[in-house]
PDB file of N, CA and C in Angstrom:
ATOM      1  N   MET A   1      -6.628 220.052 142.186  1.00  0.00           N
ATOM      2  CA  MET A   1      -5.470 220.860 142.142  1.00  0.00           C
ATOM      3  C   MET A   1      -5.355 222.087 141.567  1.00  0.00           C
ATOM      4  N   ASP A   2      -5.521 223.361 142.105  1.00  0.00           N
ATOM      5  CA  ASP A   2      -5.881 224.535 141.369  1.00  0.00           C
ATOM      6  C   ASP A   2      -4.625 225.170 140.902  1.00  0.00           C
ATOM      7  N   LYS A   3      -4.590 226.239 140.011  1.00  0.00           N
ATOM      8  CA  LYS A   3      -3.634 226.665 139.103  1.00  0.00           C
ATOM      9  C   LYS A   3      -2.360 227.134 140.097  1.00  0.00           C
ATOM     10  N   LYS A   4      -3.131 228.083 141.195  1.00  0.00           N
ATOM     11  CA  LYS A   4      -1.731 228.656 141.947  1.00  0.00           C
ATOM     12  C   LYS A   4      -1.101 227.320 142.561  1.00  0.00           C
ATOM     13  N   GLU A   5      -1.715 226.302 142.979  1.00  0.00           N
ATOM     14  CA  GLU A   5      -0.915 224.850 143.527  1.00  0.00           C
ATOM     15  C   GLU A   5       0.185 224.275 142.437  1.00  0.00           C
ATOM     16  N   ALA A   6      -0.538 224.429 141.266  1.00  0.00           N
ATOM     17  CA  ALA A   6       0.316 223.682 140.213  1.00  0.00           C
ATOM     18  C   ALA A   6       1.540 224.688 139.690  1.00  0.00           C
ATOM     19  N   VAL A   7       1.285 225.977 139.815  1.00  0.00           N
ATOM     20  CA  VAL A   7       2.670 227.011 139.469  1.00  0.00           C
ATOM     21  C   VAL A   7       3.505 226.564 140.604  1.00  0.00           C
ATOM     22  N   LYS A   8       3.271 226.725 141.671  1.00  0.00           N
ATOM     23  CA  LYS A   8       3.885 226.084 143.158  1.00  0.00           C
ATOM     24  C   LYS A   8       4.669 225.068 142.903  1.00  0.00           C
ATOM     25  N   GLU A   9       4.030 223.948 142.612  1.00  0.00           N
ATOM     26  CA  GLU A   9       4.809 222.755 142.196  1.00  0.00           C
ATOM     27  C   GLU A   9       6.179 222.854 140.900  1.00  0.00           C
ATOM     28  N   VAL A  10       5.497 223.366 140.351  1.00  0.00           N
ATOM     29  CA  VAL A  10       6.555 223.742 138.749  1.00  0.00           C
ATOM     30  C   VAL A  10       7.686 224.204 139.269  1.00  0.00           C
ATOM     31  N   VAL A  11       7.393 225.523 140.203  1.00  0.00           N
ATOM     32  CA  VAL A  11       8.508 226.416 140.411  1.00  0.00           C
ATOM     33  C   VAL A  11       9.516 226.048 141.714  1.00  0.00           C
ATOM     34  N   LYS A  12       8.764 225.075 142.596  1.00  0.00           N
ATOM     35  CA  LYS A  12       9.428 224.680 143.365  1.00  0.00           C
ATOM     36  C   LYS A  12      10.772 223.408 143.257  1.00  0.00           C
ATOM     37  N   GLU A  13      10.233 222.595 142.358  1.00  0.00           N
ATOM     38  CA  GLU A  13      11.352 221.505 142.175  1.00  0.00           C
ATOM     39  C   GLU A  13      12.594 222.069 141.398  1.00  0.00           C
ATOM     40  N   PRO A  14      12.630 222.987 140.406  1.00  0.00           N
ATOM     41  CA  PRO A  14      13.752 223.501 139.779  1.00  0.00           C
ATOM     42  C   PRO A  14      14.487 224.432 140.953  1.00  0.00           C
ATOM     43  N   LEU A  15      13.767 225.088 141.945  1.00  0.00           N
ATOM     44  CA  LEU A  15      14.301 225.707 142.789  1.00  0.00           C
ATOM     45  C   LEU A  15      14.953 224.788 143.962  1.00  0.00           C
ATOM     46  N   SER A  16      14.725 223.818 143.919  1.00  0.00           N
ATOM     47  CA  SER A  16      14.885 223.108 144.948  1.00  0.00           C
ATOM     48  C   SER A  16      16.393 222.409 144.513  1.00  0.00           C
ATOM     49  N   GLY A  17      16.124 222.128 143.332  1.00  0.00           N
ATOM     50  CA  GLY A  17      17.580 221.819 142.504  1.00  0.00           C
ATOM     51  C   GLY A  17      18.592 222.651 142.673  1.00  0.00           C
ATOM     52  N   PHE A  18      17.964 223.992 142.206  1.00  0.00           N
ATOM     53  CA  PHE A  18      19.300 225.048 142.453  1.00  0.00           C
ATOM     54  C   PHE A  18      19.840 225.152 143.652  1.00  0.00           C
ATOM     55  N   MET A  19      18.842 225.211 144.793  1.00  0.00           N
ATOM     56  CA  MET A  19      19.691 225.349 145.873  1.00  0.00           C
ATOM     57  C   MET A  19      20.295 223.975 146.533  1.00  0.00           C
ATOM     58  N   SER A  20      20.131 223.021 146.081  1.00  0.00           N
ATOM     59  CA  SER A  20      20.801 221.801 146.223  1.00  0.00           C
ATOM     60  C   SER A  20      22.118 222.031 145.760  1.00  0.00           C
ATOM     61  N   PHE A  21      22.083 222.222 144.297  1.00  0.00           N
ATOM     62  CA  PHE A  21      23.580 222.568 143.743  1.00  0.00           C
ATOM     63  C   PHE A  21      24.161 223.811 144.555  1.00  0.00           C
ATOM     64  N   ILE A  22      23.926 224.827 144.792  1.00  0.00           N
ATOM     65  CA  ILE A  22      24.461 225.822 145.530  1.00  0.00           C
ATOM     66  C   ILE A  22      24.859 225.402 146.805  1.00  0.00           C
ATOM     67  N   ARG A  23      24.489 224.565 147.657  1.00  0.00           N
ATOM     68  CA  ARG A  23      25.047 223.958 149.057  1.00  0.00           C
ATOM     69  C   ARG A  23      26.021 222.969 148.653  1.00  0.00           C
ATOM     70  N   GLU A  24      25.963 222.054 147.716  1.00  0.00           N
ATOM     71  CA  GLU A  24      26.697 221.061 147.410  1.00  0.00           C
ATOM     72  C   GLU A  24      28.043 221.482 146.715  1.00  0.00           C
ATOM     73  N   GLN A  25      27.752 222.327 145.642  1.00  0.00           N
ATOM     74  CA  GLN A  25      29.279 222.923 145.123  1.00  0.00           C
ATOM     75  C   GLN A  25      29.914 223.875 145.882  1.00  0.00           C
ATOM     76  N   GLY A  26      29.740 224.196 146.939  1.00  0.00           N
ATOM     77  CA  GLY A  26      30.454 225.254 148.054  1.00  0.00           C
ATOM     78  C   GLY A  26      30.349 226.611 147.392  1.00  0.00           C
ATOM     79  N   VAL A  27      29.113 227.025 146.927  1.00  0.00           N
ATOM     80  CA  VAL A  27      29.170 228.297 146.405  1.00  0.00           C
ATOM     81  C   VAL A  27      28.835 229.411 147.413  1.00  0.00           C
ATOM     82  N   VAL A  28      28.570 228.933 148.420  1.00  0.00           N
ATOM     83  CA  VAL A  28      28.017 229.931 149.515  1.00  0.00           C
ATOM     84  C   VAL A  28      29.564 230.057 150.056  1.00  0.00           C
ATOM     85  N   GLY A  29      30.248 229.245 150.519  1.00  0.00           N
ATOM     86  CA  GLY A  29      31.742 229.489 150.934  1.00  0.00           C
ATOM     87  C   GLY A  29      32.336 230.193 150.099  1.00  0.00           C
ATOM     88  N   LEU A  30      32.332 230.205 148.920  1.00  0.00           N
ATOM     89  CA  LEU A  30      33.055 230.530 148.020  1.00  0.00           C
ATOM     90  C   LEU A  30      32.940 232.174 147.552  1.00  0.00           C
ATOM     91  N   ALA A  31      31.500 232.158 147.956  1.00  0.00           N
ATOM     92  CA  ALA A  31      30.792 233.796 147.772  1.00  0.00           C
ATOM     93  C   ALA A  31      31.352 234.489 149.220  1.00  0.00           C
ATOM     94  N   VAL A  32      31.147 233.934 150.181  1.00  0.00           N
ATOM     95  CA  VAL A  32      31.331 234.643 151.638  1.00  0.00           C
ATOM     96  C   VAL A  32      32.973 235.166 151.558  1.00  0.00           C
ATOM     97  N   GLY A  33      33.691 233.729 151.141  1.00  0.00           N
ATOM     98  CA  GLY A  33      35.212 234.164 150.997  1.00  0.00           C
ATOM     99  C   GLY A  33      35.723 235.112 150.226  1.00  0.00           C
ATOM    100  N   LEU A  34      35.180 235.458 148.956  1.00  0.00           N
ATOM    101  CA  LEU A  34      35.642 236.407 148.028  1.00  0.00           C
ATOM    102  C   LEU A  34      35.250 237.602 148.470  1.00  0.00           C
ATOM    103  N   THR A  35      33.816 238.107 149.160  1.00  0.00           N
ATOM    104  CA  THR A  35      33.197 239.246 149.656  1.00  0.00           C
ATOM    105  C   THR A  35      33.961 239.798 150.680  1.00  0.00           C
ATOM    106  N   LEU A  36      34.754 238.779 151.766  1.00  0.00           N
ATOM    107  CA  LEU A  36      35.327 238.991 152.779  1.00  0.00           C
ATOM    108  C   LEU A  36      36.442 239.522 152.472  1.00  0.00           C
ATOM    109  N   GLY A  37      37.286 238.724 151.446  1.00  0.00           N
ATOM    110  CA  GLY A  37      38.480 239.019 151.129  1.00  0.00           C
ATOM    111  C   GLY A  37      38.560 240.459 150.359  1.00  0.00           C
ATOM    112  N   THR A  38      37.748 240.518 149.637  1.00  0.00           N
ATOM    113  CA  THR A  38      37.711 241.856 149.058  1.00  0.00           C
ATOM    114  C   THR A  38      37.680 243.055 149.808  1.00  0.00           C
ATOM    115  N   ALA A  39      36.673 242.758 150.819  1.00  0.00           N
ATOM    116  CA  ALA A  39      36.370 244.188 151.689  1.00  0.00           C
ATOM    117  C   ALA A  39      37.612 244.277 152.852  1.00  0.00           C
ATOM    118  N   VAL A  40      38.163 243.461 153.134  1.00  0.00           N
ATOM    119  CA  VAL A  40      39.172 243.756 154.369  1.00  0.00           C
ATOM    120  C   VAL A  40      40.792 244.124 153.297  1.00  0.00           C
ATOM    121  N   THR A  41      40.909 243.649 151.916  1.00  0.00           N
ATOM    122  CA  THR A  41      41.871 244.259 151.197  1.00  0.00           C
ATOM    123  C   THR A  41      42.379 245.549 151.421  1.00  0.00           C
ATOM    124  N   VAL A  42      41.781 246.437 151.286  1.00  0.00           N
ATOM    125  CA  VAL A  42      42.133 247.730 151.548  1.00  0.00           C
ATOM    126  C   VAL A  42      42.530 248.191 152.992  1.00  0.00           C
ATOM    127  N   PHE A  43      41.919 247.642 153.653  1.00  0.00           N
ATOM    128  CA  PHE A  43      42.105 247.803 155.265  1.00  0.00           C
ATOM    129  C   PHE A  43      43.462 247.340 155.561  1.00  0.00           C
ATOM    130  N   VAL A  44      43.692 245.721 155.214  1.00  0.00           N
ATOM    131  CA  VAL A  44      45.173 245.254 155.690  1.00  0.00           C
ATOM    132  C   VAL A  44      46.010 245.666 155.033  1.00  0.00           C
ATOM    133  N   LYS A  45      45.840 245.958 153.484  1.00  0.00           N
ATOM    134  CA  LYS A  45      47.007 246.759 152.977  1.00  0.00           C
ATOM    135  C   LYS A  45      47.579 248.229 153.672  1.00  0.00           C
ATOM    136  N   SER A  46      46.409 248.841 153.884  1.00  0.00           N
ATOM    137  CA  SER A  46      46.854 250.159 154.547  1.00  0.00           C
ATOM    138  C   SER A  46      47.459 249.879 155.994  1.00  0.00           C
ATOM    139  N   ILE A  47      47.120 248.922 157.065  1.00  0.00           N
ATOM    140  CA  ILE A  47      47.962 248.764 158.016  1.00  0.00           C
ATOM    141  C   ILE A  47      49.371 248.087 157.570  1.00  0.00           C
ATOM    142  N   VAL A  48      49.461 247.252 156.531  1.00  0.00           N
ATOM    143  CA  VAL A  48      50.987 246.877 156.193  1.00  0.00           C
ATOM    144  C   VAL A  48      51.797 248.068 155.703  1.00  0.00           C
ATOM    145  N   ASP A  49      51.259 248.834 154.824  1.00  0.00           N
ATOM    146  CA  ASP A  49      52.029 249.737 154.210  1.00  0.00           C
ATOM    147  C   ASP A  49      52.400 250.957 155.298  1.00  0.00           C
ATOM    148  N   ASN A  50      51.462 251.072 156.039  1.00  0.00           N
ATOM    149  CA  ASN A  50      51.570 252.282 157.145  1.00  0.00           C
ATOM    150  C   ASN A  50      52.155 251.852 158.293  1.00  0.00           C
ATOM    151  N   MET A  51      51.836 250.834 158.794  1.00  0.00           N
ATOM    152  CA  MET A  51      52.325 250.555 160.208  1.00  0.00           C
ATOM    153  C   MET A  51      53.574 249.362 160.353  1.00  0.00           C
ATOM    154  N   VAL A  52      53.205 248.572 159.307  1.00  0.00           N
ATOM    155  CA  VAL A  52      54.136 247.366 159.491  1.00  0.00           C
ATOM    156  C   VAL A  52      55.341 247.265 158.793  1.00  0.00           C
ATOM    157  N   ASN A  53      55.322 248.140 157.471  1.00  0.00           N
ATOM    158  CA  ASN A  53      56.405 248.152 156.769  1.00  0.00           C
ATOM    159  C   ASN A  53      57.541 248.908 157.252  1.00  0.00           C
ATOM    160  N   PRO A  54      57.023 250.224 157.907  1.00  0.00           N
ATOM    161  CA  PRO A  54      58.113 251.321 158.626  1.00  0.00           C
ATOM    162  C   PRO A  54      58.889 250.327 159.229  1.00  0.00           C
ATOM    163  N   ILE A  55      57.987 249.627 160.514  1.00  0.00           N
ATOM    164  CA  ILE A  55      58.752 249.154 161.491  1.00  0.00           C
ATOM    165  C   ILE A  55      59.677 248.096 161.170  1.00  0.00           C
ATOM    166  N   ILE A  56      59.470 247.228 160.172  1.00  0.00           N
ATOM    167  CA  ILE A  56      60.188 246.279 159.410  1.00  0.00           C
ATOM    168  C   ILE A  56      61.326 246.886 158.777  1.00  0.00           C
ATOM    169  N   GLY A  57      60.944 247.952 158.022  1.00  0.00           N
ATOM    170  CA  GLY A  57      62.228 248.860 157.277  1.00  0.00           C
ATOM    171  C   GLY A  57      63.245 249.384 158.572  1.00  0.00           C
ATOM    172  N   LEU A  58      62.744 249.837 159.526  1.00  0.00           N
ATOM    173  CA  LEU A  58      63.401 250.507 160.930  1.00  0.00           C
ATOM    174  C   LEU A  58      64.658 249.260 161.112  1.00  0.00           C
ATOM    175  N   LEU A  59      64.322 248.172 161.063  1.00  0.00           N
ATOM    176  CA  LEU A  59      64.710 247.104 161.845  1.00  0.00           C
ATOM    177  C   LEU A  59      66.301 246.335 160.728  1.00  0.00           C
ATOM    178  N   LEU A  60      65.655 247.083 159.377  1.00  0.00           N
ATOM    179  CA  LEU A  60      66.738 246.371 158.458  1.00  0.00           C
ATOM    180  C   LEU A  60      67.588 247.722 157.908  1.00  0.00           C
ATOM    181  N   PRO A  61      68.537 247.531 157.419  1.00  0.00           N
ATOM    182  CA  PRO A  61      69.629 248.545 157.053  1.00  0.00           C
ATOM    183  C   PRO A  61      69.394 249.249 155.806  1.00  0.00           C
ATOM    184  N   GLY A  62      69.587 250.351 155.446  1.00  0.00           N
ATOM    185  CA  GLY A  62      69.373 251.413 154.442  1.00  0.00           C
ATOM    186  C   GLY A  62      68.021 251.850 154.981  1.00  0.00           C
ATOM    187  N   SER A  63      67.083 252.380 153.971  1.00  0.00           N
ATOM    188  CA  SER A  63      65.771 253.035 153.723  1.00  0.00           C
ATOM    189  C   SER A  63      65.152 252.354 154.945  1.00  0.00           C
ATOM    190  N   SER A  64      64.485 253.598 155.369  1.00  0.00           N
ATOM    191  CA  SER A  64      63.334 253.136 156.965  1.00  0.00           C
ATOM    192  C   SER A  64      61.944 252.596 156.416  1.00  0.00           C
ATOM    193  N   ASN A  65      61.728 252.170 155.043  1.00  0.00           N
ATOM    194  CA  ASN A  65      60.403 251.744 154.690  1.00  0.00           C
ATOM    195  C   ASN A  65      60.830 250.309 153.887  1.00  0.00           C
ATOM    196  N   LEU A  66      60.074 249.704 154.111  1.00  0.00           N
ATOM    197  CA  LEU A  66      60.223 248.009 153.606  1.00  0.00           C
ATOM    198  C   LEU A  66      59.889 248.105 151.896  1.00  0.00           C
ATOM    199  N   ASN A  67      59.271 249.083 151.576  1.00  0.00           N
ATOM    200  CA  ASN A  67      58.804 249.207 150.265  1.00  0.00           C
ATOM    201  C   ASN A  67      60.400 249.463 149.232  1.00  0.00           C
ATOM    202  N   ASP A  68      60.911 250.242 150.245  1.00  0.00           N
ATOM    203  CA  ASP A  68      62.019 250.711 149.394  1.00  0.00           C
ATOM    204  C   ASP A  68      63.195 249.938 149.615  1.00  0.00           C
ATOM    205  N   LYS A  69      62.877 248.881 149.748  1.00  0.00           N
ATOM    206  CA  LYS A  69      64.297 247.691 149.979  1.00  0.00           C
ATOM    207  C   LYS A  69      64.351 247.308 148.440  1.00  0.00           C
ATOM    208  N   PHE A  70      65.547 247.448 147.879  1.00  0.00           N
ATOM    209  CA  PHE A  70      65.935 246.636 146.693  1.00  0.00           C
ATOM    210  C   PHE A  70      67.358 246.255 146.673  1.00  0.00           C
ATOM    211  N   ILE A  71      67.733 245.476 145.562  1.00  0.00           N
ATOM    212  CA  ILE A  71      69.353 245.265 145.074  1.00  0.00           C
ATOM    213  C   ILE A  71      69.367 245.629 143.555  1.00  0.00           C
ATOM    214  N   CYS A  72      70.305 246.255 143.633  1.00  0.00           N
ATOM    215  CA  CYS A  72      70.562 246.983 142.508  1.00  0.00           C
ATOM    216  C   CYS A  72      71.266 246.153 141.348  1.00  0.00           C
ATOM    217  N   LEU A  73      70.585 245.748 140.334  1.00  0.00           N
ATOM    218  CA  LEU A  73      71.326 244.790 139.362  1.00  0.00           C
ATOM    219  C   LEU A  73      71.912 245.541 138.552  1.00  0.00           C
ATOM    220  N   ASP A  74      71.973 246.555 138.153  1.00  0.00           N
ATOM    221  CA  ASP A  74      72.798 247.397 137.192  1.00  0.00           C
ATOM    222  C   ASP A  74      72.852 248.790 137.209  1.00  0.00           C
ATOM    223  N   LYS A  75      73.895 249.484 137.302  1.00  0.00           N
ATOM    224  CA  LYS A  75      74.156 250.693 137.538  1.00  0.00           C
ATOM    225  C   LYS A  75      74.742 251.331 136.106  1.00  0.00           C
ATOM    226  N   VAL A  76      74.242 252.459 136.031  1.00  0.00           N
ATOM    227  CA  VAL A  76      74.741 253.494 134.694  1.00  0.00           C
ATOM    228  C   VAL A  76      75.020 254.875 135.563  1.00  0.00           C
ATOM    229  N   GLN A  77      76.488 255.086 135.439  1.00  0.00           N
ATOM    230  CA  GLN A  77      76.864 256.260 135.979  1.00  0.00           C
ATOM    231  C   GLN A  77      76.592 256.485 137.252  1.00  0.00           C
ATOM    232  N   GLY A  78      76.432 255.557 138.122  1.00  0.00           N
ATOM    233  CA  GLY A  78      76.394 255.583 139.675  1.00  0.00           C
ATOM    234  C   GLY A  78      74.870 255.707 139.930  1.00  0.00           C
ATOM    235  N   VAL A  79      73.925 255.558 138.950  1.00  0.00           N
ATOM    236  CA  VAL A  79      72.335 255.540 139.213  1.00  0.00           C
ATOM    237  C   VAL A  79      71.882 254.001 138.672  1.00  0.00           C
ATOM    238  N   CYS A  80      70.955 253.520 140.008  1.00  0.00           N
ATOM    239  CA  CYS A  80      70.849 251.846 139.484  1.00  0.00           C
ATOM    240  C   CYS A  80      69.620 252.294 138.325  1.00  0.00           C
ATOM    241  N   THR A  81      69.952 251.517 137.725  1.00  0.00           N
ATOM    242  CA  THR A  81      68.709 251.618 136.517  1.00  0.00           C
ATOM    243  C   THR A  81      68.079 250.207 136.130  1.00  0.00           C
ATOM    244  N   ASN A  82      68.292 249.340 137.110  1.00  0.00           N
ATOM    245  CA  ASN A  82      67.420 247.925 137.181  1.00  0.00           C
ATOM    246  C   ASN A  82      67.722 247.538 138.786  1.00  0.00           C
ATOM    247  N   LYS A  83      66.265 247.509 139.310  1.00  0.00           N
ATOM    248  CA  LYS A  83      66.357 246.962 140.439  1.00  0.00           C
ATOM    249  C   LYS A  83      65.604 245.559 140.858  1.00  0.00           C
ATOM    250  N   LEU A  84      65.979 244.974 141.715  1.00  0.00           N
ATOM    251  CA  LEU A  84      65.413 243.883 142.102  1.00  0.00           C
ATOM    252  C   LEU A  84      64.550 244.303 143.534  1.00  0.00           C
ATOM    253  N   SER A  85      63.208 244.496 143.195  1.00  0.00           N
ATOM    254  CA  SER A  85      62.412 245.180 144.501  1.00  0.00           C
ATOM    255  C   SER A  85      61.907 244.061 145.446  1.00  0.00           C
ATOM    256  N   TRP A  86      62.888 243.296 146.234  1.00  0.00           N
ATOM    257  CA  TRP A  86      62.111 242.513 147.265  1.00  0.00           C
ATOM    258  C   TRP A  86      61.551 242.895 148.137  1.00  0.00           C
ATOM    259  N   GLY A  87      61.713 243.937 148.495  1.00  0.00           N
ATOM    260  CA  GLY A  87      60.817 244.779 149.751  1.00  0.00           C
ATOM    261  C   GLY A  87      59.462 244.731 149.258  1.00  0.00           C
ATOM    262  N   VAL A  88      58.877 244.969 148.015  1.00  0.00           N
ATOM    263  CA  VAL A  88      57.531 245.252 147.737  1.00  0.00           C
ATOM    264  C   VAL A  88      56.877 243.589 147.737  1.00  0.00           C
ATOM    265  N   VAL A  89      57.716 242.939 146.943  1.00  0.00           N
ATOM    266  CA  VAL A  89      57.102 241.537 147.052  1.00  0.00           C
ATOM    267  C   VAL A  89      57.051 241.107 148.665  1.00  0.00           C
ATOM    268  N   LEU A  90      58.102 241.118 149.489  1.00  0.00           N
ATOM    269  CA  LEU A  90      57.791 240.920 151.024  1.00  0.00           C
ATOM    270  C   LEU A  90      56.512 241.603 151.677  1.00  0.00           C
ATOM    271  N   SER A  91      56.225 242.922 151.366  1.00  0.00           N
ATOM    272  CA  SER A  91      55.272 243.608 151.413  1.00  0.00           C
ATOM    273  C   SER A  91      53.851 243.111 151.017  1.00  0.00           C
ATOM    274  N   ASN A  92      53.956 242.666 149.862  1.00  0.00           N
ATOM    275  CA  ASN A  92      52.904 241.846 149.367  1.00  0.00           C
ATOM    276  C   ASN A  92      52.724 240.712 149.936  1.00  0.00           C
ATOM    277  N   LEU A  93      53.558 239.910 150.278  1.00  0.00           N
ATOM    278  CA  LEU A  93      53.072 238.715 150.985  1.00  0.00           C
ATOM    279  C   LEU A  93      52.849 238.718 152.353  1.00  0.00           C
ATOM    280  N   ILE A  94      53.417 240.114 153.121  1.00  0.00           N
ATOM    281  CA  ILE A  94      52.846 239.876 154.521  1.00  0.00           C
ATOM    282  C   ILE A  94      51.154 240.498 154.307  1.00  0.00           C
ATOM    283  N   SER A  95      50.794 241.175 153.230  1.00  0.00           N
ATOM    284  CA  SER A  95      49.638 241.511 152.920  1.00  0.00           C
ATOM    285  C   SER A  95      48.453 240.452 152.973  1.00  0.00           C
ATOM    286  N   PHE A  96      49.158 239.367 151.926  1.00  0.00           N
ATOM    287  CA  PHE A  96      48.417 238.215 151.533  1.00  0.00           C
ATOM    288  C   PHE A  96      47.933 237.298 152.663  1.00  0.00           C
ATOM    289  N   LEU A  97      48.957 237.142 153.330  1.00  0.00           N
ATOM    290  CA  LEU A  97      48.916 236.244 154.512  1.00  0.00           C
ATOM    291  C   LEU A  97      47.847 236.796 155.537  1.00  0.00           C
ATOM    292  N   THR A  98      48.037 238.005 155.816  1.00  0.00           N
ATOM    293  CA  THR A  98      47.263 238.765 156.819  1.00  0.00           C
ATOM    294  C   THR A  98      45.690 238.427 156.530  1.00  0.00           C
ATOM    295  N   ILE A  99      45.503 238.689 154.980  1.00  0.00           N
ATOM    296  CA  ILE A  99      44.348 238.813 154.390  1.00  0.00           C
ATOM    297  C   ILE A  99      43.877 237.296 155.065  1.00  0.00           C
ATOM    298  N   ALA A 100      44.473 236.530 154.160  1.00  0.00           N
ATOM    299  CA  ALA A 100      44.044 235.089 154.378  1.00  0.00           C
ATOM    300  C   ALA A 100      43.858 234.669 155.885  1.00  0.00           C
ATOM    301  N   ALA A 101      44.336 235.229 156.735  1.00  0.00           N
ATOM    302  CA  ALA A 101      44.492 234.781 158.160  1.00  0.00           C
ATOM    303  C   ALA A 101      43.208 235.626 158.927  1.00  0.00           C
ATOM    304  N   VAL A 102      42.598 236.822 158.130  1.00  0.00           N
ATOM    305  CA  VAL A 102      41.569 237.445 158.529  1.00  0.00           C
ATOM    306  C   VAL A 102      40.044 236.523 157.948  1.00  0.00           C
ATOM    307  N   VAL A 103      39.925 236.324 156.804  1.00  0.00           N
ATOM    308  CA  VAL A 103      39.079 235.355 155.981  1.00  0.00           C
ATOM    309  C   VAL A 103      38.726 234.404 156.943  1.00  0.00           C
ATOM    310  N   TYR A 104      40.221 233.423 157.202  1.00  0.00           N
ATOM    311  CA  TYR A 104      39.915 232.202 157.593  1.00  0.00           C
ATOM    312  C   TYR A 104      39.318 232.536 159.143  1.00  0.00           C
ATOM    313  N   PHE A 105      39.756 233.334 159.790  1.00  0.00           N
ATOM    314  CA  PHE A 105      39.180 233.413 161.198  1.00  0.00           C
ATOM    315  C   PHE A 105      37.952 233.978 161.243  1.00  0.00           C
ATOM    316  N   VAL A 106      37.519 234.764 160.369  1.00  0.00           N
ATOM    317  CA  VAL A 106      36.097 235.088 160.294  1.00  0.00           C
ATOM    318  C   VAL A 106      34.960 234.307 159.886  1.00  0.00           C
ATOM    319  N   VAL A 107      35.419 233.537 158.779  1.00  0.00           N
ATOM    320  CA  VAL A 107      34.717 232.374 158.122  1.00  0.00           C
ATOM    321  C   VAL A 107      34.178 231.191 159.285  1.00  0.00           C
ATOM    322  N   HIS A 108      35.254 231.024 160.119  1.00  0.00           N
ATOM    323  CA  HIS A 108      35.404 230.118 161.170  1.00  0.00           C
ATOM    324  C   HIS A 108      34.473 230.510 162.359  1.00  0.00           C
ATOM    325  N   GLY A 109      34.825 231.831 162.650  1.00  0.00           N
ATOM    326  CA  GLY A 109      34.274 232.511 163.884  1.00  0.00           C
ATOM    327  C   GLY A 109      32.716 232.434 163.617  1.00  0.00           C
ATOM    328  N   LEU A 110      32.309 232.502 162.355  1.00  0.00           N
ATOM    329  CA  LEU A 110      31.022 233.017 162.245  1.00  0.00           C
ATOM    330  C   LEU A 110      30.256 231.709 161.948  1.00  0.00           C
ATOM    331  N   ARG A 111      30.926 230.769 162.102  1.00  0.00           N
ATOM    332  CA  ARG A 111      30.712 229.383 161.520  1.00  0.00           C
ATOM    333  C   ARG A 111      30.046 229.411 160.120  1.00  0.00           C
ATOM    334  N   LEU A 112      30.469 230.056 159.148  1.00  0.00           N
ATOM    335  CA  LEU A 112      30.088 230.078 157.437  1.00  0.00           C
ATOM    336  C   LEU A 112      30.379 228.964 157.161  1.00  0.00           C
ATOM    337  N   ASP A 113      31.423 228.110 157.527  1.00  0.00           N
ATOM    338  CA  ASP A 113      31.883 226.928 156.963  1.00  0.00           C
ATOM    339  C   ASP A 113      30.980 225.876 156.949  1.00  0.00           C
ATOM    340  N   LYS A 114      29.991 225.779 157.904  1.00  0.00           N
ATOM    341  CA  LYS A 114      28.977 224.971 158.136  1.00  0.00           C
ATOM    342  C   LYS A 114      27.642 225.075 157.130  1.00  0.00           C
ATOM    343  N   LEU A 115      27.804 226.255 156.214  1.00  0.00           N
ATOM    344  CA  LEU A 115      26.751 226.670 155.374  1.00  0.00           C
ATOM    345  C   LEU A 115      26.800 225.536 154.284  1.00  0.00           C
ATOM    346  N   ASP A 116      27.725 224.673 153.768  1.00  0.00           N
ATOM    347  CA  ASP A 116      27.629 224.072 152.844  1.00  0.00           C
ATOM    348  C   ASP A 116      27.400 222.730 153.164  1.00  0.00           C
ATOM    349  N   LYS A 117      26.824 222.017 152.418  1.00  0.00           N
ATOM    350  CA  LYS A 117      26.419 220.537 152.682  1.00  0.00           C
ATOM    351  C   LYS A 117      27.177 219.798 152.354  1.00  0.00           C
ATOM    352  N   LYS A 118      27.794 218.552 153.097  1.00  0.00           N
ATOM    353  CA  LYS A 118      28.879 217.836 152.917  1.00  0.00           C
ATOM    354  C   LYS A 118      28.500 216.716 151.803  1.00  0.00           C
ATOM    355  N   LYS A 119      29.145 216.517 151.138  1.00  0.00           N
ATOM    356  CA  LYS A 119      29.137 215.797 149.832  1.00  0.00           C
ATOM    357  C   LYS A 119      29.260 214.193 150.211  1.00  0.00           C
ATOM    358  N   GLU A 120      28.436 213.332 150.035  1.00  0.00           N
ATOM    359  CA  GLU A 120      28.353 212.071 150.580  1.00  0.00           C
ATOM    360  C   GLU A 120      29.432 211.168 149.328  1.00  0.00           C
ATOM    361  N   ASP A 121      29.698 210.173 150.151  1.00  0.00           N
ATOM    362  CA  ASP A 121      30.802 209.445 149.418  1.00  0.00           C
ATOM    363  C   ASP A 121      30.015 208.505 148.561  1.00  0.00           C
ATOM    364  N   LYS A 122      30.266 208.540 147.062  1.00  0.00           N
ATOM    365  CA  LYS A 122      29.718 207.531 146.252  1.00  0.00           C
ATOM    366  C   LYS A 122      30.630 206.302 145.926  1.00  0.00           C
ATOM    367  N   LYS A 123      30.089 205.369 146.450  1.00  0.00           N
ATOM    368  CA  LYS A 123      31.027 203.865 145.907  1.00  0.00           C
ATOM    369  C   LYS A 123      29.878 203.011 145.098  1.00  0.00           C
TER     370      LYS A 123
END
């Protein structure tokens, strides 16, 4: 065996172990999910803030934007000084559920969930 083949053998075993680790621990799926989630967050937030919230806001009494919906907890001279901003929380929930759905359908649509190796039952 010459030096070149010896170096290949020395590098091949740790690299093979590393690739096994990546596939067994679900690192690929985690990386893909994180990347897609980050990429669609801005887009989905824009859709929710600029399209969904105004529509829901129109259906509810009061302000026409969901982010402006609140319950006043304390008033001083007729001015609300302490608000429970339930509209913002609902808006963020809608954004979260939309992002989760987009990531789910992209990962399954592109069959990226099949990249990770199944763990074998150890008995």
